[in-house]
Amino acid sequence: MINLEEEYLHLSEEIAIGASSGGVPKVEEFFRIFSELAAENGDCPDLDYSPILSGSGYRVDGYAFDIPEDTEGASGDLYVAICVYSQDDALPSANSKDIEKAVTEVERFLKLAFSGKNLQELEESNHDFRLAMLVRTYLNQIARVRVLVFTNAHLKIRKKVFETSQIGNVTIHTNVFDLERYAKITSTGTDPVEIDFNENFSGGISCLQASASSKGYQSFLFAIPGLVLADIFAAYGNRLLEQNVRTYLQAKTNVNKGILKTIAEEPSMFFAYNNGLTATASSVRTDHRSDGSLAITYIKDFQIVNGGQTTASILYARDGLKYDLSNVYAQVKLSVVDESKLDQIVPKISEYANTQNKVSLADLASNSPVQIRIERLSKEVVVPQKANGSMKEHEVSTRISLPTRLKHNVASSKPNFPNHN
């Protein structure tokens, strides 16, 4: 059990020592400690310290841009951090109003930067002018702003996922890094992603329990609505993909283009056309509904080990392209492994899930009626033999036959790894 009062005193001492040795204000040392920990945890990239405090009511303490190269349209993230730092002797607490106040201060600056109004009144050598000009430069590529609230207070609210807001076409997400999260990461090294569907994502999701064993393994199958999956990825970002061996390449690859095309043109067929997600967890909670069906209501240590491109494409389709996701569903195979065995089993699941046989479009087309007819003709039609030719007719016919098409399985080549399905 973490003693937050002790953690608060230890953190205060660390900040005081670091600020004194570095010759910087305590709030700057506090920002350094929390921003480094947040980056290591996957909440953000490395942040630049950029203290902005205005009499107009806006404040920013740091920022980072995550803008994919060579992409069209809004698809990137702007991370903006603000410190709610206390120097009280006793452990302070924070509530939802404190967080809303901090986010409002960031939003005031964003509105100034987005609109471009009155920027000429800012001093060009100041942090606010430089950051505002950077925002203006990347404005058309920013789909989301992720506001990180760093506080050494104890956040006492039940709902940990905050409501999003909008500034124009840009979605604002809030992520709070409080003393409890700081203490948990520094003491255990982990900050597991916990998905509470009832609290934060419109209720439980119907599922089927596919298997259960006495060796600490369970599996579930379910179809997750595209809107819910987009909300989850928007809230937790790359923390969901720590075990995933792939990265999202925006809409440049044929796979991602196909995903986006299906969402745009045939959203109701997304479940049929897409391979879905392979995910892992350390525990789940389920409820039986009134009709007797089973529903997943909570997932701990949620990680997407295969399907990161699908997940990111769905969020990009919603936020970047403004596609309707109401008819989009993605299938999920969830493996639940005992927490003590996560480090041993999850890498294997990730390895095998991401080992796939290469299937070319030519292989898929080999089963088309036209290809079948050409194959039959190649075996039936005898090529006229030249005068004084020496080859027999059946030899000529055999040599011009097309490669045999794949009869039942387009992935007939031997896999690189054993089949663990």
Protein backbone atom coordinates (compact mmCIF):
# COMPACT_ATOMS: atom_id res chain seq x y z
CA MET A 1 0.00 0.00 0.00
CA ILE A 2 1.47 3.35 -1.08
CA ASN A 3 1.63 5.99 1.64
CA LEU A 4 0.87 9.18 -0.30
CA GLU A 5 1.77 11.48 2.59
CA GLU A 6 5.29 10.04 2.69
CA GLU A 7 5.54 10.17 -1.11
CA TYR A 8 4.56 13.83 -1.05
CA LEU A 9 7.30 14.67 1.46
CA HIS A 10 9.92 12.66 -0.45
CA LEU A 11 8.94 14.34 -3.72
CA SER A 12 9.09 17.79 -2.09
CA GLU A 13 12.60 17.05 -0.83
CA GLU A 14 13.71 15.80 -4.25
CA ILE A 15 12.32 18.94 -5.92
CA ALA A 16 14.02 21.22 -3.40
CA ILE A 17 17.41 19.51 -3.82
CA GLY A 18 17.16 19.44 -7.63
CA ALA A 19 16.08 23.07 -7.87
CA SER A 20 18.87 24.20 -5.57
CA SER A 21 21.60 22.27 -7.37
CA GLY A 22 20.36 23.32 -10.80
CA GLY A 23 19.68 26.91 -9.89
CA VAL A 24 16.11 26.75 -11.22
CA PRO A 25 12.66 27.44 -9.72
CA LYS A 26 11.00 24.53 -7.93
CA VAL A 27 8.16 24.43 -10.46
CA GLU A 28 10.68 23.89 -13.26
CA GLU A 29 12.30 21.00 -11.38
CA PHE A 30 8.82 19.58 -10.72
CA PHE A 31 8.05 19.81 -14.46
CA ARG A 32 11.30 18.03 -15.31
CA ILE A 33 10.59 15.12 -12.96
CA PHE A 34 6.99 14.61 -14.06
CA SER A 35 7.58 15.15 -17.79
CA GLU A 36 10.41 12.60 -17.85
CA LEU A 37 8.30 10.04 -16.01
CA ALA A 38 5.30 10.70 -18.29
CA ALA A 39 7.47 10.22 -21.38
CA GLU A 40 8.89 6.95 -20.04
CA ASN A 41 5.35 5.77 -19.30
CA GLY A 42 4.21 6.50 -22.88
CA ASP A 43 1.88 9.39 -22.01
CA CYS A 44 3.79 11.85 -24.20
CA PRO A 45 6.99 12.41 -26.18
CA ASP A 46 9.83 14.36 -24.59
CA LEU A 47 8.42 17.76 -23.68
CA ASP A 48 10.17 21.11 -24.11
CA TYR A 49 9.97 23.31 -21.04
CA SER A 50 8.35 26.56 -22.13
CA PRO A 51 6.83 28.52 -19.22
CA ILE A 52 4.04 30.80 -20.42
CA LEU A 53 2.02 32.82 -17.92
CA SER A 54 -0.16 35.69 -19.02
CA GLY A 55 -2.32 38.25 -17.33
CA SER A 56 -4.94 37.33 -19.92
CA GLY A 57 -5.59 34.09 -18.04
CA TYR A 58 -3.67 31.53 -20.06
CA ARG A 59 -0.83 29.29 -18.99
CA VAL A 60 1.43 26.64 -20.54
CA ASP A 61 4.50 24.96 -19.02
CA GLY A 62 5.70 22.69 -21.82
CA TYR A 63 4.83 21.21 -25.20
CA ALA A 64 5.73 18.65 -27.85
CA PHE A 65 4.55 18.07 -31.42
CA ASP A 66 3.93 14.58 -32.78
CA ILE A 67 3.28 15.33 -36.45
CA PRO A 68 3.76 12.43 -38.91
CA GLU A 69 5.90 13.31 -41.91
CA ASP A 70 4.52 13.44 -45.45
CA THR A 71 0.89 13.18 -44.42
CA GLU A 72 -2.09 15.07 -45.73
CA GLY A 73 -4.79 16.53 -43.52
CA ALA A 74 -5.06 16.65 -39.75
CA SER A 75 -3.50 13.53 -38.24
CA GLY A 76 -0.96 14.70 -35.65
CA ASP A 77 -0.97 15.44 -31.94
CA LEU A 78 0.06 18.54 -30.02
CA TYR A 79 0.97 17.83 -26.40
CA VAL A 80 0.62 20.77 -24.00
CA ALA A 81 1.54 20.45 -20.32
CA ILE A 82 0.47 22.64 -17.42
CA CYS A 83 1.68 22.38 -13.83
CA VAL A 84 -0.61 22.57 -10.83
CA TYR A 85 2.17 22.62 -8.29
CA SER A 86 1.70 23.06 -4.55
CA GLN A 87 4.30 23.91 -1.90
CA ASP A 88 2.01 23.22 1.04
CA ASP A 89 3.48 21.37 4.01
CA ALA A 90 0.69 18.76 3.96
CA LEU A 91 -0.50 16.65 1.06
CA PRO A 92 -2.96 18.71 -1.02
CA SER A 93 -5.92 17.24 -2.85
CA ALA A 94 -7.40 18.10 -6.23
CA ASN A 95 -10.86 17.65 -7.68
CA SER A 96 -12.48 17.94 -11.09
CA LYS A 97 -12.87 21.74 -10.77
CA ASP A 98 -9.12 22.14 -10.26
CA ILE A 99 -8.43 20.13 -13.41
CA GLU A 100 -11.05 22.01 -15.41
CA LYS A 101 -9.50 25.34 -14.35
CA ALA A 102 -6.06 24.22 -15.54
CA VAL A 103 -7.40 22.94 -18.87
CA THR A 104 -9.29 26.20 -19.39
CA GLU A 105 -6.04 28.15 -19.00
CA VAL A 106 -4.45 26.00 -21.72
CA GLU A 107 -7.50 26.37 -23.97
CA ARG A 108 -7.29 30.17 -23.75
CA PHE A 109 -3.78 30.03 -25.17
CA LEU A 110 -4.82 27.54 -27.86
CA LYS A 111 -7.66 29.78 -29.00
CA LEU A 112 -5.21 32.66 -29.30
CA ALA A 113 -2.79 30.55 -31.32
CA PHE A 114 -5.47 28.94 -33.51
CA SER A 115 -7.14 32.21 -34.38
CA GLY A 116 -3.90 34.12 -34.96
CA LYS A 117 -5.53 37.25 -33.56
CA ASN A 118 -3.46 39.73 -31.57
CA LEU A 119 -0.26 37.72 -32.08
CA GLN A 120 1.43 40.93 -33.17
CA GLU A 121 0.94 42.23 -29.65
CA LEU A 122 3.17 39.47 -28.22
CA GLU A 123 6.87 39.98 -27.70
CA GLU A 124 8.73 37.96 -30.33
CA SER A 125 11.39 36.83 -27.84
CA ASN A 126 8.81 35.36 -25.44
CA HIS A 127 7.79 31.71 -25.18
CA ASP A 128 4.12 32.43 -25.94
CA PHE A 129 4.92 34.05 -29.30
CA ARG A 130 7.28 31.25 -30.36
CA LEU A 131 4.86 28.47 -29.40
CA ALA A 132 1.92 30.29 -31.02
CA MET A 133 3.86 30.56 -34.28
CA LEU A 134 4.73 26.85 -34.17
CA VAL A 135 1.06 26.03 -33.65
CA ARG A 136 0.17 28.25 -36.61
CA THR A 137 2.76 26.43 -38.72
CA TYR A 138 1.33 22.98 -38.02
CA LEU A 139 -2.29 24.02 -37.58
CA ASN A 140 -3.66 22.08 -40.56
CA GLN A 141 -1.93 18.90 -39.38
CA ILE A 142 -3.13 18.93 -35.77
CA ALA A 143 -6.07 16.61 -35.14
CA ARG A 144 -5.78 16.42 -31.35
CA VAL A 145 -4.38 18.41 -28.48
CA ARG A 146 -3.45 16.27 -25.50
CA VAL A 147 -3.40 18.42 -22.38
CA LEU A 148 -1.28 16.94 -19.62
CA VAL A 149 -2.00 18.27 -16.15
CA PHE A 150 0.96 17.65 -13.85
CA THR A 151 0.12 17.98 -10.17
CA ASN A 152 1.71 16.89 -6.90
CA ALA A 153 -1.75 16.82 -5.34
CA HIS A 154 -3.85 13.70 -4.84
CA LEU A 155 -6.61 13.64 -7.45
CA LYS A 156 -9.79 12.55 -5.69
CA ILE A 157 -12.28 11.80 -8.40
CA ARG A 158 -13.86 8.51 -9.39
CA LYS A 159 -13.91 8.96 -13.15
CA LYS A 160 -10.35 8.95 -14.47
CA VAL A 161 -11.14 9.60 -18.16
CA PHE A 162 -12.15 13.20 -18.76
CA GLU A 163 -14.63 14.47 -21.30
CA THR A 164 -13.17 15.79 -24.52
CA SER A 165 -13.84 19.28 -25.83
CA GLN A 166 -13.48 21.01 -29.18
CA ILE A 167 -11.76 24.12 -30.46
CA GLY A 168 -12.87 24.35 -34.04
CA ASN A 169 -12.07 20.99 -35.66
CA VAL A 170 -9.44 20.09 -33.06
CA THR A 171 -10.32 17.68 -30.25
CA ILE A 172 -8.95 18.42 -26.77
CA HIS A 173 -8.10 15.43 -24.54
CA THR A 174 -7.14 15.70 -20.87
CA ASN A 175 -4.64 13.44 -19.13
CA VAL A 176 -3.88 13.98 -15.43
CA PHE A 177 -0.58 12.91 -13.94
CA ASP A 178 -1.07 13.26 -10.18
CA LEU A 179 0.90 12.18 -7.10
CA GLU A 180 -0.77 8.76 -6.98
CA ARG A 181 0.26 7.94 -10.56
CA TYR A 182 3.75 9.28 -9.86
CA ALA A 183 4.07 7.09 -6.77
CA LYS A 184 2.72 4.01 -8.50
CA ILE A 185 5.17 4.26 -11.40
CA THR A 186 8.21 5.06 -9.26
CA SER A 187 7.47 2.22 -6.81
CA THR A 188 6.32 -0.53 -9.18
CA GLY A 189 7.67 0.61 -12.56
CA THR A 190 4.26 0.25 -14.21
CA ASP A 191 1.05 2.17 -14.65
CA PRO A 192 -1.34 -0.37 -16.18
CA VAL A 193 -4.03 0.76 -18.58
CA GLU A 194 -7.37 0.07 -16.96
CA ILE A 195 -10.48 0.22 -19.13
CA ASP A 196 -13.71 0.67 -17.14
CA PHE A 197 -16.44 0.46 -19.75
CA ASN A 198 -19.25 1.27 -17.30
CA GLU A 199 -17.56 4.39 -15.93
CA ASN A 200 -15.99 5.84 -19.05
CA PHE A 201 -17.11 4.16 -22.26
CA SER A 202 -20.90 3.83 -22.34
CA GLY A 203 -21.27 0.45 -20.66
CA GLY A 204 -20.09 -3.14 -20.96
CA ILE A 205 -19.55 -4.97 -24.25
CA SER A 206 -21.21 -8.29 -25.06
CA CYS A 207 -18.69 -11.10 -25.31
CA LEU A 208 -18.17 -14.84 -25.54
CA GLN A 209 -15.78 -16.66 -23.24
CA ALA A 210 -13.81 -18.81 -25.67
CA SER A 211 -11.68 -20.72 -23.19
CA ALA A 212 -10.62 -20.95 -19.56
CA SER A 213 -7.98 -23.06 -17.87
CA SER A 214 -6.58 -23.69 -14.42
CA LYS A 215 -3.15 -22.52 -15.61
CA GLY A 216 -3.95 -18.84 -15.44
CA TYR A 217 -5.29 -18.27 -18.96
CA GLN A 218 -8.68 -17.19 -20.30
CA SER A 219 -9.78 -15.90 -23.68
CA PHE A 220 -12.74 -13.81 -24.80
CA LEU A 221 -14.15 -12.84 -28.18
CA PHE A 222 -16.17 -9.69 -28.75
CA ALA A 223 -17.01 -6.99 -31.27
CA ILE A 224 -16.02 -3.52 -30.09
CA PRO A 225 -17.83 -0.51 -31.61
CA GLY A 226 -15.56 1.74 -33.64
CA LEU A 227 -16.67 4.76 -31.62
CA VAL A 228 -15.62 3.08 -28.35
CA LEU A 229 -12.29 1.91 -29.78
CA ALA A 230 -11.58 5.45 -31.03
CA ASP A 231 -12.40 6.89 -27.60
CA ILE A 232 -10.09 4.38 -25.88
CA PHE A 233 -7.18 5.08 -28.20
CA ALA A 234 -7.78 8.82 -27.96
CA ALA A 235 -7.64 8.58 -24.16
CA TYR A 236 -4.62 6.31 -23.79
CA GLY A 237 -2.71 6.70 -27.06
CA ASN A 238 0.51 4.75 -27.52
CA ARG A 239 0.30 3.31 -24.00
CA LEU A 240 -1.99 0.71 -25.57
CA LEU A 241 0.68 -0.34 -28.05
CA GLU A 242 3.69 -0.98 -25.82
CA GLN A 243 3.78 -4.65 -26.83
CA ASN A 244 2.92 -3.98 -30.47
CA VAL A 245 5.77 -4.57 -32.92
CA ARG A 246 4.24 -2.32 -35.59
CA THR A 247 3.80 1.41 -35.93
CA TYR A 248 1.07 3.32 -37.65
CA LEU A 249 2.09 4.61 -41.05
CA GLN A 250 -0.91 6.90 -41.49
CA ALA A 251 -2.75 6.44 -44.78
CA LYS A 252 0.32 5.72 -46.90
CA THR A 253 0.32 1.91 -46.94
CA ASN A 254 -2.18 -0.15 -48.90
CA VAL A 255 -3.39 -1.74 -45.66
CA ASN A 256 -4.28 1.60 -44.06
CA LYS A 257 -5.76 2.94 -47.28
CA GLY A 258 -7.97 -0.15 -47.43
CA ILE A 259 -9.09 0.30 -43.83
CA LEU A 260 -10.04 3.92 -44.43
CA LYS A 261 -11.78 3.07 -47.72
CA THR A 262 -13.92 0.45 -46.00
CA ILE A 263 -14.89 2.90 -43.21
CA ALA A 264 -15.80 5.53 -45.79
CA GLU A 265 -17.65 3.34 -48.32
CA GLU A 266 -18.80 0.16 -46.55
CA PRO A 267 -18.67 0.74 -42.79
CA SER A 268 -21.15 -2.03 -42.03
CA MET A 269 -18.75 -4.53 -43.68
CA PHE A 270 -15.73 -3.49 -41.59
CA PHE A 271 -16.17 -6.43 -39.24
CA ALA A 272 -16.19 -8.84 -42.18
CA TYR A 273 -13.25 -7.35 -44.08
CA ASN A 274 -10.88 -6.48 -41.22
CA ASN A 275 -8.77 -8.99 -39.27
CA GLY A 276 -9.51 -7.19 -36.02
CA LEU A 277 -7.40 -6.96 -32.88
CA THR A 278 -5.39 -9.36 -30.78
CA ALA A 279 -5.16 -8.00 -27.24
CA THR A 280 -3.94 -9.07 -23.82
CA ALA A 281 -4.86 -8.28 -20.24
CA SER A 282 -4.04 -9.41 -16.70
CA SER A 283 -7.64 -9.50 -15.47
CA VAL A 284 -11.20 -8.72 -16.51
CA ARG A 285 -14.56 -8.26 -14.88
CA THR A 286 -17.76 -9.52 -16.48
CA ASP A 287 -21.47 -9.19 -15.76
CA HIS A 288 -24.46 -11.22 -16.84
CA ARG A 289 -27.12 -9.10 -18.50
CA SER A 290 -30.86 -9.53 -18.05
CA ASP A 291 -31.06 -11.59 -21.23
CA GLY A 292 -28.41 -13.99 -19.90
CA SER A 293 -25.60 -12.77 -22.15
CA LEU A 294 -22.11 -12.06 -20.85
CA ALA A 295 -20.56 -8.59 -21.00
CA ILE A 296 -17.04 -7.35 -20.29
CA THR A 297 -17.15 -4.32 -18.01
CA TYR A 298 -13.49 -3.88 -16.99
CA ILE A 299 -10.05 -4.76 -18.41
CA LYS A 300 -6.74 -4.35 -16.56
CA ASP A 301 -3.35 -4.14 -18.31
CA PHE A 302 -5.04 -3.76 -21.70
CA GLN A 303 -2.50 -4.05 -24.54
CA ILE A 304 -3.06 -4.31 -28.31
CA VAL A 305 -0.41 -6.70 -29.62
CA ASN A 306 -1.81 -6.95 -33.15
CA GLY A 307 -4.15 -4.47 -34.77
CA GLY A 308 -2.42 -1.22 -33.93
CA GLN A 309 -2.83 0.00 -37.50
CA THR A 310 -6.53 -0.80 -37.40
CA THR A 311 -6.94 1.07 -34.10
CA ALA A 312 -5.01 4.14 -35.21
CA SER A 313 -6.79 4.18 -38.58
CA ILE A 314 -10.19 4.20 -36.85
CA LEU A 315 -9.20 7.20 -34.71
CA TYR A 316 -7.74 8.97 -37.75
CA ALA A 317 -10.93 8.29 -39.71
CA ARG A 318 -13.01 9.88 -36.96
CA ASP A 319 -10.83 12.83 -35.98
CA GLY A 320 -8.83 13.49 -39.13
CA LEU A 321 -11.35 12.63 -41.85
CA LYS A 322 -14.60 13.10 -39.88
CA TYR A 323 -15.99 9.72 -41.00
CA ASP A 324 -19.07 8.27 -39.31
CA LEU A 325 -18.13 5.26 -37.15
CA SER A 326 -21.62 4.39 -35.94
CA ASN A 327 -21.74 1.22 -38.10
CA VAL A 328 -18.10 0.21 -37.65
CA TYR A 329 -17.25 -2.77 -35.43
CA ALA A 330 -13.91 -4.51 -34.95
CA GLN A 331 -13.48 -8.05 -33.68
CA VAL A 332 -11.23 -8.55 -30.65
CA LYS A 333 -9.53 -11.69 -29.38
CA LEU A 334 -8.59 -10.96 -25.78
CA SER A 335 -6.15 -13.22 -23.94
CA VAL A 336 -6.21 -12.85 -20.16
CA VAL A 337 -2.98 -13.96 -18.52
CA ASP A 338 -2.03 -14.02 -14.85
CA GLU A 339 -0.12 -10.87 -13.94
CA SER A 340 2.89 -12.94 -12.85
CA LYS A 341 3.13 -14.49 -16.32
CA LEU A 342 2.59 -11.35 -18.43
CA ASP A 343 6.27 -10.80 -19.20
CA GLN A 344 6.65 -14.43 -20.24
CA ILE A 345 3.52 -15.04 -22.32
CA VAL A 346 2.58 -11.66 -23.82
CA PRO A 347 5.78 -11.39 -25.95
CA LYS A 348 5.00 -14.82 -27.42
CA ILE A 349 1.42 -13.80 -28.22
CA SER A 350 2.76 -10.65 -29.87
CA GLU A 351 5.38 -12.62 -31.81
CA TYR A 352 2.98 -15.23 -33.15
CA ALA A 353 0.14 -12.76 -33.81
CA ASN A 354 2.47 -10.62 -35.92
CA THR A 355 3.89 -13.56 -37.91
CA GLN A 356 1.76 -13.83 -41.01
CA ASN A 357 2.18 -15.51 -44.38
CA LYS A 358 2.58 -13.09 -47.24
CA VAL A 359 -0.45 -13.31 -49.50
CA SER A 360 -0.17 -11.36 -52.74
CA LEU A 361 -3.05 -9.97 -54.75
CA ALA A 362 -2.07 -12.43 -57.48
CA ASP A 363 -2.69 -15.31 -55.06
CA LEU A 364 -6.14 -13.96 -54.26
CA ALA A 365 -6.94 -13.41 -57.94
CA SER A 366 -5.94 -16.98 -58.79
CA ASN A 367 -9.34 -18.19 -57.59
CA SER A 368 -11.30 -15.84 -59.85
CA PRO A 369 -13.50 -17.41 -62.59
CA VAL A 370 -11.35 -15.88 -65.33
CA GLN A 371 -8.15 -17.37 -63.91
CA ILE A 372 -9.81 -20.77 -63.47
CA ARG A 373 -10.97 -20.76 -67.10
CA ILE A 374 -7.51 -19.78 -68.37
CA GLU A 375 -5.97 -22.59 -66.34
CA ARG A 376 -8.35 -25.14 -67.82
CA LEU A 377 -7.69 -23.90 -71.34
CA SER A 378 -3.97 -24.12 -70.78
CA LYS A 379 -4.36 -27.80 -69.98
CA GLU A 380 -6.81 -28.62 -72.75
CA VAL A 381 -5.57 -26.69 -75.77
CA VAL A 382 -2.69 -28.31 -77.64
CA VAL A 383 -0.13 -25.94 -79.08
CA PRO A 384 0.54 -26.66 -82.77
CA GLN A 385 3.92 -28.28 -83.27
CA LYS A 386 6.43 -26.67 -85.65
CA ALA A 387 7.59 -28.63 -88.65
CA ASN A 388 10.45 -31.00 -87.77
CA GLY A 389 9.81 -30.21 -84.11
CA SER A 390 11.16 -32.75 -81.71
CA MET A 391 9.06 -32.14 -78.58
CA LYS A 392 5.99 -34.22 -78.00
CA GLU A 393 2.62 -32.53 -77.80
CA HIS A 394 2.05 -33.27 -74.13
CA GLU A 395 5.46 -31.85 -73.29
CA VAL A 396 4.63 -28.58 -75.02
CA SER A 397 1.27 -28.39 -73.30
CA THR A 398 2.83 -29.06 -69.91
CA ARG A 399 5.46 -26.38 -70.35
CA ILE A 400 2.98 -23.63 -71.10
CA SER A 401 0.57 -24.52 -68.29
CA LEU A 402 0.02 -21.74 -65.78
CA PRO A 403 0.99 -22.33 -62.15
CA THR A 404 -1.61 -24.37 -60.34
CA ARG A 405 -3.99 -22.09 -58.49
CA LEU A 406 -4.49 -22.36 -54.77
CA LYS A 407 -7.36 -24.78 -54.20
CA HIS A 408 -8.54 -24.14 -50.65
CA ASN A 409 -6.14 -21.94 -48.73
CA VAL A 410 -4.40 -18.90 -50.18
CA ALA A 411 -1.88 -19.09 -47.35
CA SER A 412 -0.58 -22.55 -48.24
CA SER A 413 3.10 -21.90 -47.62
CA LYS A 414 4.65 -23.23 -44.43
CA PRO A 415 4.47 -20.66 -41.61
CA ASN A 416 7.61 -19.42 -39.95
CA PHE A 417 6.29 -20.20 -36.50
CA PRO A 418 4.00 -22.85 -35.03
CA ASN A 419 0.29 -22.22 -35.22
CA HIS A 420 -0.83 -21.15 -31.75
CA ASN A 421 -4.39 -20.25 -32.63
